[in-house]
C-alpha atoms as a PDB file:
ATOM      1  CA  MET A   1     -55.796 -26.246  20.650  1.00  0.00           C
ATOM      2  CA  ILE A   2     -54.242 -22.826  19.974  1.00  0.00           C
ATOM      3  CA  PRO A   3     -56.627 -20.017  20.735  1.00  0.00           C
ATOM      4  CA  ARG A   4     -57.379 -17.735  17.807  1.00  0.00           C
ATOM      5  CA  HIS A   5     -57.073 -14.054  18.269  1.00  0.00           C
ATOM      6  CA  SER A   6     -59.766 -11.740  17.307  1.00  0.00           C
ATOM      7  CA  TRP A   7     -59.477  -9.230  14.522  1.00  0.00           C
ATOM      8  CA  ARG A   8     -57.119  -6.971  16.505  1.00  0.00           C
ATOM      9  CA  SER A   9     -53.733  -6.084  15.075  1.00  0.00           C
ATOM     10  CA  PRO A  10     -50.590  -7.243  16.880  1.00  0.00           C
ATOM     11  CA  SER A  11     -49.903  -3.728  18.257  1.00  0.00           C
ATOM     12  CA  SER A  12     -53.376  -3.405  19.713  1.00  0.00           C
ATOM     13  CA  MET A  13     -52.828  -6.730  21.436  1.00  0.00           C
ATOM     14  CA  LEU A  14     -49.924  -5.215  23.324  1.00  0.00           C
ATOM     15  CA  PHE A  15     -51.993  -2.430  24.639  1.00  0.00           C
ATOM     16  CA  HIS A  16     -55.240  -4.060  25.288  1.00  0.00           C
ATOM     17  CA  ASP A  17     -56.022  -2.056  28.322  1.00  0.00           C
ATOM     18  CA  ARG A  18     -55.417   1.612  29.127  1.00  0.00           C
ATOM     19  CA  SER A  19     -53.125   1.083  32.147  1.00  0.00           C
ATOM     20  CA  THR A  20     -50.574  -0.874  30.217  1.00  0.00           C
ATOM     21  CA  MET A  21     -50.781   1.544  27.360  1.00  0.00           C
ATOM     22  CA  PHE A  22     -49.906   4.472  29.596  1.00  0.00           C
ATOM     23  CA  SER A  23     -47.046   2.665  31.318  1.00  0.00           C
ATOM     24  CA  SER A  24     -45.664   1.602  27.878  1.00  0.00           C
ATOM     25  CA  MET A  25     -45.752   5.238  26.665  1.00  0.00           C
ATOM     26  CA  ARG A  26     -44.027   6.405  29.833  1.00  0.00           C
ATOM     27  CA  LEU A  27     -41.448   3.691  29.401  1.00  0.00           C
ATOM     28  CA  ARG A  28     -40.790   4.770  25.794  1.00  0.00           C
ATOM     29  CA  ARG A  29     -40.574   8.387  26.705  1.00  0.00           C
ATOM     30  CA  ALA A  30     -38.180   7.580  29.626  1.00  0.00           C
ATOM     31  CA  ILE A  31     -35.930   5.513  27.275  1.00  0.00           C
ATOM     32  CA  THR A  32     -35.912   8.258  24.722  1.00  0.00           C
ATOM     33  CA  VAL A  33     -34.977  10.814  27.276  1.00  0.00           C
ATOM     34  CA  VAL A  34     -32.239   8.618  28.754  1.00  0.00           C
ATOM     35  CA  ALA A  35     -30.879   7.853  25.250  1.00  0.00           C
ATOM     36  CA  PHE A  36     -30.934  11.477  24.256  1.00  0.00           C
ATOM     37  CA  THR A  37     -29.155  12.487  27.457  1.00  0.00           C
ATOM     38  CA  ALA A  38     -26.511   9.779  26.963  1.00  0.00           C
ATOM     39  CA  PHE A  39     -25.812  10.808  23.363  1.00  0.00           C
ATOM     40  CA  ALA A  40     -25.770  14.497  24.231  1.00  0.00           C
ATOM     41  CA  SER A  41     -23.341  14.008  27.172  1.00  0.00           C
ATOM     42  CA  ALA A  42     -21.133  11.778  25.017  1.00  0.00           C
ATOM     43  CA  GLY A  43     -20.975  14.518  22.463  1.00  0.00           C
ATOM     44  CA  ALA A  44     -20.122  17.091  25.102  1.00  0.00           C
ATOM     45  CA  ILE A  45     -17.423  14.951  26.574  1.00  0.00           C
ATOM     46  CA  ALA A  46     -15.955  14.312  23.019  1.00  0.00           C
ATOM     47  CA  ALA A  47     -16.077  18.077  22.388  1.00  0.00           C
ATOM     48  CA  ASP A  48     -13.978  18.668  25.558  1.00  0.00           C
ATOM     49  CA  LYS A  49     -11.305  16.351  24.281  1.00  0.00           C
ATOM     50  CA  PRO A  50      -8.932  17.748  21.531  1.00  0.00           C
ATOM     51  CA  THR A  51      -8.885  15.782  18.325  1.00  0.00           C
ATOM     52  CA  LYS A  52      -5.824  13.963  17.231  1.00  0.00           C
ATOM     53  CA  GLY A  53      -4.625  16.602  14.848  1.00  0.00           C
ATOM     54  CA  ALA A  54      -5.383  19.406  17.174  1.00  0.00           C
ATOM     55  CA  VAL A  55      -3.084  18.395  20.017  1.00  0.00           C
ATOM     56  CA  SER A  56      -1.036  21.367  21.014  1.00  0.00           C
ATOM     57  CA  LYS A  57       2.705  21.026  20.681  1.00  0.00           C
ATOM     58  CA  GLY A  58       3.570  24.151  22.679  1.00  0.00           C
ATOM     59  CA  PRO A  59       5.169  27.146  21.147  1.00  0.00           C
ATOM     60  CA  GLY A  60       6.066  25.245  17.966  1.00  0.00           C
ATOM     61  CA  ASP A  61       2.326  24.732  17.211  1.00  0.00           C
ATOM     62  CA  ARG A  62       1.747  28.421  16.422  1.00  0.00           C
ATOM     63  CA  VAL A  63       1.840  29.707  12.916  1.00  0.00           C
ATOM     64  CA  MET A  64       5.296  30.973  11.939  1.00  0.00           C
ATOM     65  CA  THR A  65       5.831  34.626  11.258  1.00  0.00           C
ATOM     66  CA  PRO A  66       7.109  35.596   7.776  1.00  0.00           C
ATOM     67  CA  ALA A  67      10.554  36.194   9.229  1.00  0.00           C
ATOM     68  CA  GLN A  68      10.618  32.774  10.895  1.00  0.00           C
ATOM     69  CA  LEU A  69       9.374  31.158   7.668  1.00  0.00           C
ATOM     70  CA  LYS A  70      12.136  32.860   5.675  1.00  0.00           C
ATOM     71  CA  GLU A  71      14.724  31.529   8.121  1.00  0.00           C
ATOM     72  CA  CYS A  72      13.319  28.035   7.739  1.00  0.00           C
ATOM     73  CA  VAL A  73      13.292  28.360   3.966  1.00  0.00           C
ATOM     74  CA  ASP A  74      16.934  29.571   3.996  1.00  0.00           C
ATOM     75  CA  GLN A  75      17.853  26.748   6.436  1.00  0.00           C
ATOM     76  CA  LYS A  76      16.211  24.108   4.212  1.00  0.00           C
ATOM     77  CA  ALA A  77      18.013  25.547   1.123  1.00  0.00           C
ATOM     78  CA  ALA A  78      21.386  25.361   2.889  1.00  0.00           C
ATOM     79  CA  ALA A  79      20.701  21.819   4.080  1.00  0.00           C
ATOM     80  CA  ASN A  80      19.699  20.809   0.541  1.00  0.00           C
ATOM     81  CA  LYS A  81      22.852  22.455  -0.831  1.00  0.00           C
ATOM     82  CA  LYS A  82      25.018  20.466   1.678  1.00  0.00           C
ATOM     83  CA  VAL A  83      23.178  17.206   0.767  1.00  0.00           C
ATOM     84  CA  ASP A  84      23.640  17.834  -2.948  1.00  0.00           C
ATOM     85  CA  ALA A  85      27.397  18.591  -2.545  1.00  0.00           C
ATOM     86  CA  ALA A  86      27.726  15.380  -0.433  1.00  0.00           C
ATOM     87  CA  GLN A  87      26.057  13.399  -3.187  1.00  0.00           C
ATOM     88  CA  VAL A  88      28.398  14.821  -5.803  1.00  0.00           C
ATOM     89  CA  ALA A  89      31.334  13.904  -3.628  1.00  0.00           C
ATOM     90  CA  LYS A  90      29.903  10.402  -3.046  1.00  0.00           C
ATOM     91  CA  ASP A  91      29.504   9.864  -6.813  1.00  0.00           C
ATOM     92  CA  LYS A  92      33.065  11.031  -7.406  1.00  0.00           C
ATOM     93  CA  LEU A  93      34.327   8.640  -4.652  1.00  0.00           C
ATOM     94  CA  ALA A  94      32.467   5.770  -6.339  1.00  0.00           C
ATOM     95  CA  ALA A  95      34.142   6.615  -9.637  1.00  0.00           C
ATOM     96  CA  ASP A  96      37.565   6.828  -7.978  1.00  0.00           C
ATOM     97  CA  LYS A  97      36.959   3.463  -6.231  1.00  0.00           C
ATOM     98  CA  ALA A  98      35.974   1.837  -9.484  1.00  0.00           C
ATOM     99  CA  GLU A  99      39.183   3.284 -11.112  1.00  0.00           C
ATOM    100  CA  ILE A 100      41.325   1.979  -8.277  1.00  0.00           C
ATOM    101  CA  GLU A 101      39.735  -1.487  -8.615  1.00  0.00           C
ATOM    102  CA  ARG A 102      40.212  -1.459 -12.425  1.00  0.00           C
ATOM    103  CA  SER A 103      43.844  -0.442 -12.039  1.00  0.00           C
ATOM    104  CA  GLY A 104      44.374  -3.246  -9.474  1.00  0.00           C
ATOM    105  CA  LYS A 105      42.953  -5.862 -11.922  1.00  0.00           C
ATOM    106  CA  GLU A 106      45.207  -4.411 -14.639  1.00  0.00           C
ATOM    107  CA  LEU A 107      48.232  -4.611 -12.445  1.00  0.00           C
ATOM    108  CA  ASP A 108      47.447  -8.238 -11.482  1.00  0.00           C
ATOM    109  CA  GLU A 109      47.103  -9.128 -15.206  1.00  0.00           C
ATOM    110  CA  SER A 110      50.428  -7.332 -16.092  1.00  0.00           C
ATOM    111  CA  LEU A 111      52.135  -9.015 -13.201  1.00  0.00           C
ATOM    112  CA  ALA A 112      51.307 -12.459 -14.641  1.00  0.00           C
ATOM    113  CA  ALA A 113      52.817 -11.407 -17.943  1.00  0.00           C
ATOM    114  CA  LEU A 114      55.736  -9.480 -16.446  1.00  0.00           C
ATOM    115  CA  ASP A 115      59.206 -10.409 -17.630  1.00  0.00           C
ATOM    116  CA  ARG A 116      60.985 -10.628 -14.261  1.00  0.00           C
ATOM    117  CA  THR A 117      64.370 -10.801 -15.888  1.00  0.00           C
ATOM    118  CA  SER A 118      64.039  -7.340 -17.336  1.00  0.00           C
ATOM    119  CA  ALA A 119      64.848  -4.642 -14.786  1.00  0.00           C
ATOM    120  CA  GLU A 120      63.088  -1.996 -16.909  1.00  0.00           C
ATOM    121  CA  ALA A 121      59.887  -3.991 -16.941  1.00  0.00           C
ATOM    122  CA  VAL A 122      59.988  -4.630 -13.111  1.00  0.00           C
ATOM    123  CA  ASN A 123      60.784  -0.909 -12.421  1.00  0.00           C
ATOM    124  CA  ALA A 124      57.859   0.157 -14.727  1.00  0.00           C
ATOM    125  CA  HIS A 125      55.537  -2.315 -12.926  1.00  0.00           C
ATOM    126  CA  ASN A 126      56.678  -1.052  -9.507  1.00  0.00           C
ATOM    127  CA  ALA A 127      56.185   2.523 -10.568  1.00  0.00           C
ATOM    128  CA  LYS A 128      52.546   1.690 -11.575  1.00  0.00           C
ATOM    129  CA  VAL A 129      52.097  -0.009  -8.176  1.00  0.00           C
ATOM    130  CA  GLU A 130      53.442   3.079  -6.347  1.00  0.00           C
ATOM    131  CA  GLU A 131      51.157   5.327  -8.416  1.00  0.00           C
ATOM    132  CA  ARG A 132      48.130   3.082  -7.441  1.00  0.00           C
ATOM    133  CA  ASP A 133      49.144   3.183  -3.812  1.00  0.00           C
ATOM    134  CA  ALA A 134      49.345   6.944  -3.963  1.00  0.00           C
ATOM    135  CA  SER A 135      45.882   7.072  -5.508  1.00  0.00           C
ATOM    136  CA  ILE A 136      44.585   4.763  -2.701  1.00  0.00           C
ATOM    137  CA  THR A 137      46.082   7.043  -0.051  1.00  0.00           C
ATOM    138  CA  ALA A 138      44.465  10.091  -1.739  1.00  0.00           C
ATOM    139  CA  TYR A 139      41.203   8.199  -2.018  1.00  0.00           C
ATOM    140  CA  GLN A 140      41.260   7.401   1.662  1.00  0.00           C
ATOM    141  CA  GLY A 141      41.805  11.069   2.487  1.00  0.00           C
ATOM    142  CA  ARG A 142      38.799  11.938   0.325  1.00  0.00           C
ATOM    143  CA  VAL A 143      36.765   9.433   2.015  1.00  0.00           C
ATOM    144  CA  ALA A 144      37.487  10.923   5.447  1.00  0.00           C
ATOM    145  CA  ALA A 145      36.660  14.389   4.033  1.00  0.00           C
ATOM    146  CA  PHE A 146      33.431  12.997   2.658  1.00  0.00           C
ATOM    147  CA  ASN A 147      32.524  11.517   5.925  1.00  0.00           C
ATOM    148  CA  GLU A 148      32.862  14.851   7.635  1.00  0.00           C
ATOM    149  CA  GLN A 149      30.835  16.412   4.798  1.00  0.00           C
ATOM    150  CA  ALA A 150      28.046  13.819   5.144  1.00  0.00           C
ATOM    151  CA  GLU A 151      27.966  14.347   8.920  1.00  0.00           C
ATOM    152  CA  SER A 152      27.629  18.094   8.335  1.00  0.00           C
ATOM    153  CA  ALA A 153      24.768  17.523   5.756  1.00  0.00           C
ATOM    154  CA  ASN A 154      23.008  15.234   8.145  1.00  0.00           C
ATOM    155  CA  ALA A 155      23.339  17.663  11.047  1.00  0.00           C
ATOM    156  CA  ALA A 156      21.974  20.442   8.860  1.00  0.00           C
ATOM    157  CA  GLN A 157      18.975  18.287   7.886  1.00  0.00           C
ATOM    158  CA  ASP A 158      18.393  17.295  11.478  1.00  0.00           C
ATOM    159  CA  ALA A 159      18.495  20.931  12.588  1.00  0.00           C
ATOM    160  CA  TYR A 160      15.981  21.826   9.911  1.00  0.00           C
ATOM    161  CA  VAL A 161      13.645  19.039  10.896  1.00  0.00           C
ATOM    162  CA  LYS A 162      13.885  19.879  14.618  1.00  0.00           C
ATOM    163  CA  SER A 163      13.295  23.639  14.195  1.00  0.00           C
ATOM    164  CA  CYS A 164      11.056  23.929  11.102  1.00  0.00           C
ATOM    165  CA  ALA A 165       9.648  20.739   9.584  1.00  0.00           C
ATOM    166  CA  GLU A 166       6.579  20.275  11.781  1.00  0.00           C
ATOM    167  CA  ARG A 167       5.738  23.895  12.152  1.00  0.00           C
ATOM    168  CA  ARG A 168       2.786  25.505  10.533  1.00  0.00           C
ATOM    169  CA  TYR A 169       2.921  28.602   8.220  1.00  0.00           C
ATOM    170  CA  ASP A 170       0.758  30.625   5.972  1.00  0.00           C
ATOM    171  CA  ASP A 171       0.919  29.648   2.349  1.00  0.00           C
ATOM    172  CA  ARG A 172       0.758  33.253   1.274  1.00  0.00           C
ATOM    173  CA  ASP A 173       3.882  34.037   3.246  1.00  0.00           C
ATOM    174  CA  LEU A 174       5.712  31.209   1.507  1.00  0.00           C
ATOM    175  CA  ASP A 175       4.499  32.536  -1.904  1.00  0.00           C
ATOM    176  CA  ASP A 176       5.825  36.020  -0.997  1.00  0.00           C
ATOM    177  CA  ILE A 177       9.201  34.555  -0.053  1.00  0.00           C
ATOM    178  CA  LYS A 178       9.451  32.569  -3.301  1.00  0.00           C
ATOM    179  CA  ARG A 179       8.370  35.574  -5.351  1.00  0.00           C
ATOM    180  CA  LYS A 180      11.178  37.751  -3.685  1.00  0.00           C
ATOM    181  CA  LYS A 181      13.836  35.132  -4.411  1.00  0.00           C
ATOM    182  CA  LYS A 182      13.151  35.213  -8.189  1.00  0.00           C
END
């Protein structure tokens, strides 16, 4: 048979005599103090460690002066100008390549219909082939110049990224620089 408990509540059954009640209270107090100390020390330790975004990067971590910011703005503008010029040259090269391919197909079609017995027709066709070969040679020269231009644009962008992209600045200084450029 299961013994019935008296009218006492479950919490009063835990502390039915005074000696256990005092030791339970001491135990709770001790746990509370230990927990508070642990949380407080964890907070102090976390406060000593820098946050992810606050890691110092050395001298580049400081806010740029207005003069340094102006240099960076000018450097970015020059890099963008080089990139834009390289893009225009690339688009021109693509158009030239398409024209060379079109003229090659045209020459192939005219070769199939060429009257090989006529010296004038053969000479005209050969002149067109030589003209296409000259345009290919000129195209190859422009490609080499474009490659140098693209390398220069990439170097300008890399220099900007290395010296300016990750540095902090005051937005008011940037607004002043933009206002002066207008």
